[in-house]
């Protein structure tokens, strides 16, 4: 499948934790891409959320990973990458293609790919260009990664349970928009720590 390569790349990358010898600076346009994703998710709305109140679900998004200090700066890059990869996977299925406008979905895929490619460069930079220790040696990152995977698995199971209905996808669209909003705050925090809030 067309998604196989990025998934394999993500698995390889996420088997390592950064050595911490180099500071990763997110590209200047990274935050702009996130804002475009938010705008695109708004455009993708096809049905009133009010009509889908009965389908609401608390997916228990681990927002502390995006807003708190649970994940250190170096590890935050890896959490962001995993989140973006899972969002891409979620919207890169036959069910998603059947539910959403094809042109808008293609734009979403493109924006997510751009961010993932930027993250790969960032992660290599963070690792100092050398092989890093295995992720099993870092309990904080392991816990964060497992929590993130469990969260997205819950969304996938919800869609399956609801038979990929229009309301189910609308609830998920709103949820993913919320996730991207939290990630945007984390991105801004990272750039702030590096002394660069979008202008350098």
Protein backbone atom coordinates (compact mmCIF):
# COMPACT_ATOMS: atom_id res chain seq x y z
CA UNK A 1 0.00 0.00 0.00
CA UNK A 2 1.01 3.60 -0.54
CA UNK A 3 1.06 4.18 3.22
CA UNK A 4 3.45 1.32 3.94
CA UNK A 5 6.69 3.31 3.50
CA UNK A 6 5.81 6.21 5.82
CA UNK A 7 4.52 3.74 8.41
CA UNK A 8 7.74 1.72 8.29
CA UNK A 9 9.78 4.91 8.49
CA UNK A 10 7.81 6.00 11.54
CA UNK A 11 8.36 2.63 13.23
CA UNK A 12 12.10 2.80 12.62
CA UNK A 13 12.37 6.40 13.81
CA UNK A 14 10.27 5.79 16.89
CA UNK A 15 12.41 2.89 18.05
CA UNK A 16 15.00 5.41 19.14
CA UNK A 17 15.17 8.29 21.54
CA UNK A 18 17.29 11.37 20.90
CA UNK A 19 20.75 11.56 22.37
CA UNK A 20 20.15 15.17 23.33
CA UNK A 21 23.46 16.37 21.89
CA UNK A 22 21.80 18.78 19.46
CA UNK A 23 18.85 21.12 19.67
CA UNK A 24 16.09 20.62 17.15
CA UNK A 25 14.66 23.79 15.66
CA UNK A 26 11.27 23.36 14.00
CA UNK A 27 11.15 25.00 10.56
CA UNK A 28 9.68 28.49 10.47
CA UNK A 29 6.73 27.29 8.40
CA UNK A 30 5.88 24.38 10.71
CA UNK A 31 3.42 26.37 12.80
CA UNK A 32 1.95 27.87 9.63
CA UNK A 33 1.33 24.35 8.29
CA UNK A 34 -0.49 23.45 11.52
CA UNK A 35 -2.70 26.49 11.17
CA UNK A 36 -3.48 25.49 7.58
CA UNK A 37 -4.44 22.03 8.82
CA UNK A 38 -6.84 23.60 11.31
CA UNK A 39 -8.40 25.71 8.54
CA UNK A 40 -8.68 22.65 6.32
CA UNK A 41 -10.37 20.63 9.05
CA UNK A 42 -12.90 23.45 9.38
CA UNK A 43 -13.56 23.31 5.62
CA UNK A 44 -14.07 19.55 5.79
CA UNK A 45 -17.16 19.91 7.97
CA UNK A 46 -20.11 18.29 6.18
CA UNK A 47 -22.74 18.02 8.88
CA UNK A 48 -23.74 20.08 11.91
CA UNK A 49 -22.06 18.86 15.08
CA UNK A 50 -25.31 19.68 16.88
CA UNK A 51 -27.03 16.87 14.95
CA UNK A 52 -24.42 14.40 16.23
CA UNK A 53 -24.58 15.08 19.97
CA UNK A 54 -25.80 11.55 20.65
CA UNK A 55 -22.62 10.21 19.07
CA UNK A 56 -20.23 12.23 21.22
CA UNK A 57 -17.43 10.29 22.89
CA UNK A 58 -14.71 11.22 25.34
CA UNK A 59 -11.60 9.78 23.71
CA UNK A 60 -9.51 10.88 26.69
CA UNK A 61 -6.87 12.76 24.76
CA UNK A 62 -3.68 12.91 26.91
CA UNK A 63 -3.43 16.69 26.67
CA UNK A 64 -0.77 16.79 29.40
CA UNK A 65 1.66 15.58 26.74
CA UNK A 66 1.02 18.77 24.79
CA UNK A 67 0.54 21.33 27.54
CA UNK A 68 2.49 20.13 30.56
CA UNK A 69 6.07 19.19 31.34
CA UNK A 70 5.59 15.42 31.22
CA UNK A 71 7.50 15.21 27.96
CA UNK A 72 10.87 16.92 27.81
CA UNK A 73 11.73 19.19 24.90
CA UNK A 74 13.77 16.55 23.06
CA UNK A 75 11.06 13.92 23.50
CA UNK A 76 8.30 16.33 22.44
CA UNK A 77 9.61 16.14 18.88
CA UNK A 78 9.02 12.39 18.87
CA UNK A 79 5.56 12.72 20.39
CA UNK A 80 4.61 15.29 17.73
CA UNK A 81 5.88 12.99 14.97
CA UNK A 82 3.87 10.05 16.30
CA UNK A 83 0.75 12.18 16.54
CA UNK A 84 1.08 13.44 12.97
CA UNK A 85 1.70 9.92 11.68
CA UNK A 86 -1.42 8.62 13.42
CA UNK A 87 -3.58 11.44 12.06
CA UNK A 88 -2.31 10.72 8.55
CA UNK A 89 -3.03 7.01 9.00
CA UNK A 90 -6.54 7.79 10.24
CA UNK A 91 -7.38 9.92 7.20
CA UNK A 92 -5.57 7.70 4.68
CA UNK A 93 -8.09 4.87 4.49
CA UNK A 94 -10.82 3.82 2.09
CA UNK A 95 -13.38 4.78 4.71
CA UNK A 96 -11.95 8.30 4.96
CA UNK A 97 -11.91 8.63 1.18
CA UNK A 98 -15.58 7.67 1.08
CA UNK A 99 -16.50 10.14 3.82
CA UNK A 100 -14.67 13.32 2.82
CA UNK A 101 -14.25 15.58 -0.20
CA UNK A 102 -11.37 14.14 -2.21
CA UNK A 103 -9.68 17.46 -2.95
CA UNK A 104 -9.74 18.55 0.68
CA UNK A 105 -8.52 15.14 1.81
CA UNK A 106 -5.60 15.31 -0.63
CA UNK A 107 -4.66 18.74 0.75
CA UNK A 108 -4.75 17.34 4.27
CA UNK A 109 -2.50 14.44 3.26
CA UNK A 110 -0.07 16.85 1.62
CA UNK A 111 0.16 19.14 4.66
CA UNK A 112 0.68 16.20 7.02
CA UNK A 113 3.39 14.75 4.75
CA UNK A 114 5.19 18.11 4.70
CA UNK A 115 5.19 18.23 8.48
CA UNK A 116 6.35 14.63 8.79
CA UNK A 117 9.25 15.24 6.41
CA UNK A 118 10.25 18.31 8.41
CA UNK A 119 10.05 16.25 11.60
CA UNK A 120 12.38 13.58 10.20
CA UNK A 121 15.05 16.20 9.58
CA UNK A 122 14.46 17.61 13.04
CA UNK A 123 14.72 14.20 14.68
CA UNK A 124 18.02 13.42 12.96
CA UNK A 125 19.29 16.82 14.09
CA UNK A 126 18.13 16.10 17.64
CA UNK A 127 19.94 12.76 17.63
CA UNK A 128 23.17 14.51 16.65
CA UNK A 129 23.45 12.38 13.50
CA UNK A 130 24.37 9.30 15.53
CA UNK A 131 22.49 6.19 16.56
CA UNK A 132 20.62 6.76 19.81
CA UNK A 133 19.76 4.54 22.73
CA UNK A 134 16.78 2.24 22.37
CA UNK A 135 13.44 3.68 23.45
CA UNK A 136 13.07 1.00 26.09
CA UNK A 137 15.75 2.86 28.05
CA UNK A 138 13.49 5.89 28.37
CA UNK A 139 10.39 5.13 30.43
CA UNK A 140 8.86 8.60 30.03
CA UNK A 141 8.89 8.45 26.26
CA UNK A 142 7.70 4.84 26.26
CA UNK A 143 4.75 5.72 28.48
CA UNK A 144 3.87 8.74 26.34
CA UNK A 145 4.09 6.68 23.14
CA UNK A 146 1.89 3.89 24.50
CA UNK A 147 -0.66 6.42 25.73
CA UNK A 148 -0.76 8.11 22.33
CA UNK A 149 -1.19 4.81 20.48
CA UNK A 150 -3.99 3.76 22.84
CA UNK A 151 -5.75 7.08 22.24
CA UNK A 152 -5.71 6.76 18.44
CA UNK A 153 -6.67 3.08 18.65
CA UNK A 154 -9.74 4.22 20.60
CA UNK A 155 -10.70 6.58 17.77
CA UNK A 156 -10.32 3.82 15.17
CA UNK A 157 -12.43 1.41 17.23
CA UNK A 158 -15.08 4.12 17.67
CA UNK A 159 -15.34 4.64 13.90
CA UNK A 160 -15.62 0.90 13.36
CA UNK A 161 -18.27 0.62 16.07
CA UNK A 162 -20.29 3.44 14.46
CA UNK A 163 -19.84 1.84 11.01
CA UNK A 164 -18.06 4.97 9.76
CA UNK A 165 -21.26 7.01 9.80
CA UNK A 166 -21.31 10.70 8.86
CA UNK A 167 -21.84 11.65 12.50
CA UNK A 168 -18.98 9.43 13.65
CA UNK A 169 -16.60 11.09 11.20
CA UNK A 170 -17.85 14.53 12.28
CA UNK A 171 -17.13 13.72 15.93
CA UNK A 172 -13.66 12.50 14.93
CA UNK A 173 -13.04 15.61 12.79
CA UNK A 174 -13.80 17.82 15.79
CA UNK A 175 -11.59 15.67 18.01
CA UNK A 176 -8.64 15.75 15.60
CA UNK A 177 -9.02 19.53 15.28
CA UNK A 178 -8.70 19.69 19.06
CA UNK A 179 -5.58 17.51 18.94
CA UNK A 180 -3.96 19.72 16.30
CA UNK A 181 -4.79 22.79 18.42
CA UNK A 182 -3.00 21.24 21.41
CA UNK A 183 -0.03 20.31 19.22
CA UNK A 184 0.13 23.88 17.94
CA UNK A 185 0.57 25.10 21.50
CA UNK A 186 3.38 22.60 22.00
CA UNK A 187 5.06 23.76 18.78
CA UNK A 188 4.84 27.38 19.89
CA UNK A 189 6.32 26.44 23.26
CA UNK A 190 9.23 24.65 21.61
CA UNK A 191 9.99 27.61 19.35
CA UNK A 192 9.69 29.94 22.34
CA UNK A 193 12.26 27.88 24.25
CA UNK A 194 14.60 28.15 21.28
CA UNK A 195 14.18 31.92 21.27
CA UNK A 196 12.27 31.90 17.99
CA UNK A 197 8.51 32.39 17.86
CA UNK A 198 8.26 32.45 14.10
CA UNK A 199 10.71 35.18 13.21
CA UNK A 200 14.43 34.84 13.23
